[in-house]
Protein backbone atom coordinates (compact mmCIF):
# COMPACT_ATOMS: atom_id res chain seq x y z
CA MET A 1 3.20 1.71 -16.68
CA THR A 2 6.28 0.46 -16.12
CA GLY A 3 7.34 3.24 -13.90
CA ARG A 4 4.60 1.69 -11.29
CA ARG A 5 5.63 -1.52 -11.82
CA PHE A 6 9.00 -0.14 -10.54
CA ALA A 7 7.89 1.16 -7.37
CA LEU A 8 5.98 -1.91 -7.00
CA VAL A 9 9.60 -3.57 -7.11
CA GLY A 10 11.06 -1.30 -4.88
CA GLY A 11 7.75 -1.30 -2.10
CA VAL A 12 7.33 -5.28 -2.37
CA ALA A 13 11.34 -5.16 -1.63
CA ALA A 14 11.28 -2.04 1.55
CA ALA A 15 8.39 -4.35 3.05
CA ALA A 16 10.71 -7.42 2.78
CA VAL A 17 13.44 -5.76 4.38
CA VAL A 18 11.30 -3.96 7.03
CA ALA A 19 9.59 -7.36 7.87
CA ASP A 20 12.49 -9.11 8.18
CA GLN A 21 14.22 -7.12 9.74
CA LEU A 22 11.85 -6.74 12.54
CA THR A 23 11.32 -10.24 12.39
CA LYS A 24 15.75 -10.80 12.87
CA TRP A 25 15.35 -7.95 16.39
CA TRP A 26 12.29 -9.19 17.66
CA ALA A 27 14.77 -12.75 18.03
CA VAL A 28 17.25 -11.61 19.37
CA ASP A 29 15.84 -9.84 22.04
CA ARG A 30 13.22 -13.07 22.83
CA LEU A 31 14.92 -15.65 21.59
CA SER A 32 18.24 -15.85 23.19
CA ARG A 33 16.24 -16.82 26.26
CA GLY A 34 15.78 -20.13 24.57
CA PRO A 35 13.55 -21.55 21.52
CA ILE A 36 10.26 -21.63 21.48
CA LYS A 37 7.74 -25.02 19.88
CA ILE A 38 5.29 -23.61 17.93
CA VAL A 39 3.98 -26.98 16.46
CA GLY A 40 5.67 -30.40 15.44
CA SER A 41 8.74 -30.42 14.64
CA LEU A 42 8.29 -26.31 13.91
CA ARG A 43 10.82 -24.22 16.48
CA LEU A 44 11.74 -20.67 16.69
CA ALA A 45 15.58 -20.73 17.60
CA LEU A 46 17.94 -17.94 17.79
CA SER A 47 21.15 -18.49 15.25
CA HIS A 48 24.11 -16.65 14.14
CA ASN A 49 25.31 -17.72 9.98
CA SER A 50 28.68 -16.58 10.09
CA ALA A 51 29.44 -18.68 6.46
CA GLY A 52 27.11 -18.01 3.37
CA ALA A 53 24.01 -19.36 2.51
CA PHE A 54 22.89 -23.36 3.75
CA GLY A 55 25.81 -22.43 6.38
CA LEU A 56 28.62 -23.21 3.17
CA GLY A 57 31.66 -21.40 1.85
CA SER A 58 32.39 -19.50 5.45
CA GLY A 59 36.11 -18.45 4.63
CA VAL A 60 34.54 -16.65 1.67
CA VAL A 61 32.07 -14.48 3.06
CA PRO A 62 33.50 -11.03 2.15
CA MET A 63 33.46 -12.65 -1.91
CA ILE A 64 29.33 -13.29 -1.10
CA VAL A 65 29.16 -10.09 0.34
CA LEU A 66 30.44 -8.39 -2.88
CA ALA A 67 28.15 -10.44 -5.48
CA VAL A 68 24.91 -9.60 -3.44
CA VAL A 69 26.18 -6.19 -3.81
CA ALA A 70 26.66 -6.74 -7.65
CA LEU A 71 23.26 -9.01 -7.28
CA VAL A 72 22.14 -5.83 -5.97
CA VAL A 73 22.60 -3.53 -8.30
CA VAL A 74 21.75 -6.01 -11.17
CA LEU A 75 18.14 -6.10 -9.13
CA PHE A 76 17.74 -2.52 -8.97
CA VAL A 77 18.36 -2.17 -12.80
CA VAL A 78 16.24 -5.24 -13.84
CA GLY A 79 13.44 -3.64 -12.84
CA ARG A 80 13.72 -1.10 -13.72
CA SER A 81 11.55 -2.58 -17.46
CA ILE A 82 9.48 -5.44 -15.74
CA ASP A 83 6.13 -5.11 -17.60
CA ARG A 84 4.26 -7.51 -15.60
CA SER A 85 2.98 -6.82 -12.19
CA ALA A 86 3.56 -10.52 -10.56
CA MET A 87 6.75 -10.06 -12.13
CA ALA A 88 7.49 -7.06 -10.27
CA VAL A 89 6.84 -8.18 -6.74
CA ALA A 90 8.02 -12.03 -6.66
CA LEU A 91 11.56 -9.71 -8.67
CA GLY A 92 10.69 -7.36 -5.22
CA LEU A 93 11.42 -10.78 -3.46
CA VAL A 94 14.47 -11.26 -4.13
CA LEU A 95 15.72 -8.15 -3.96
CA GLY A 96 14.19 -7.01 -0.95
CA GLY A 97 15.13 -10.31 1.04
CA ALA A 98 18.85 -9.55 -0.53
CA VAL A 99 18.86 -6.77 1.29
CA GLY A 100 17.43 -7.59 4.10
CA ASN A 101 20.45 -10.54 4.21
CA LEU A 102 23.26 -8.16 2.90
CA LEU A 103 22.37 -5.75 6.27
CA ASP A 104 23.07 -7.96 8.60
CA ARG A 105 26.28 -8.90 6.79
CA VAL A 106 27.38 -5.54 6.38
CA PHE A 107 26.12 -4.34 10.31
CA ARG A 108 26.28 -7.20 12.21
CA SER A 109 29.62 -8.69 14.23
CA PRO A 110 32.12 -9.65 13.85
CA GLY A 111 32.30 -6.60 11.22
CA PHE A 112 32.24 -4.49 7.83
CA GLY A 113 31.20 -7.54 5.15
CA ARG A 114 32.37 -10.60 7.64
CA GLY A 115 28.40 -10.11 9.77
CA ALA A 116 26.34 -12.99 10.67
CA VAL A 117 23.04 -13.21 9.39
CA ILE A 118 20.37 -13.78 11.76
CA ASP A 119 18.47 -17.35 11.20
CA PHE A 120 15.18 -18.61 13.34
CA VAL A 121 12.93 -20.47 11.73
CA ASP A 122 13.94 -23.96 12.68
CA LEU A 123 12.47 -27.16 10.98
CA ARG A 124 14.38 -29.40 12.40
CA TRP A 125 14.80 -31.13 9.06
CA TRP A 126 15.80 -28.46 7.09
CA PRO A 127 18.66 -25.20 7.70
CA VAL A 128 17.37 -22.70 9.76
CA PHE A 129 16.48 -19.63 7.45
CA ASN A 130 14.67 -16.29 8.15
CA VAL A 131 12.06 -14.20 6.87
CA ALA A 132 14.94 -12.92 4.02
CA ASP A 133 15.23 -16.36 2.63
CA ALA A 134 11.85 -16.90 2.83
CA ALA A 135 11.39 -13.83 0.53
CA ILE A 136 14.14 -15.18 -1.90
CA THR A 137 13.35 -18.11 -2.05
CA ILE A 138 9.33 -17.25 -2.54
CA GLY A 139 10.89 -15.07 -5.21
CA CYS A 140 12.70 -17.30 -6.99
CA VAL A 141 9.95 -20.04 -7.31
CA LEU A 142 7.45 -16.70 -8.65
CA LEU A 143 10.30 -16.43 -11.34
CA VAL A 144 10.62 -19.69 -12.30
CA LEU A 145 6.59 -20.40 -12.95
CA LEU A 146 6.70 -16.49 -13.91
CA SER A 147 9.22 -18.09 -16.92
CA PHE A 148 6.67 -20.46 -18.42
CA ASN A 149 4.38 -17.80 -19.10
CA ASN A 150 6.26 -15.94 -20.74
CA SER A 151 3.58 -14.56 -22.79
CA GLY A 152 4.32 -10.61 -22.73
CA THR A 153 2.50 -8.05 -20.73
CA GLU A 154 -0.16 -7.87 -18.47
CA ARG A 155 -2.75 -5.98 -18.54
């Protein structure tokens, strides 16, 4: 049963990475011509975040990259022992989001380990974010909620 949950972690993580990278590719292509208003304060507007989360820590981005690599390794190892499907989904979302943003840091300009993360969901009252950020947030909220119900394995 644990092997299935590990596969679920990997499948959810892969889906999050693919969704994140495809939406970032679309955002760079389409939103470089200008923002798109959706409804109310929600708009899609291209942003390149060369700092850390919420634009903080711009001087320590290489350290952030190393920390994210360590996090990915830890999540991968922890994912092997997951005993509940909901926990596997939550962990997969966090892992996929971390990998999605890590790919930007590694492969986007200005260079290896210093690349800017592509953000494009702009609420105008919250920092601009992307699919990877949403996956991390949703995964973390699920992990917290699931920790309140740690009654054991799921059937």
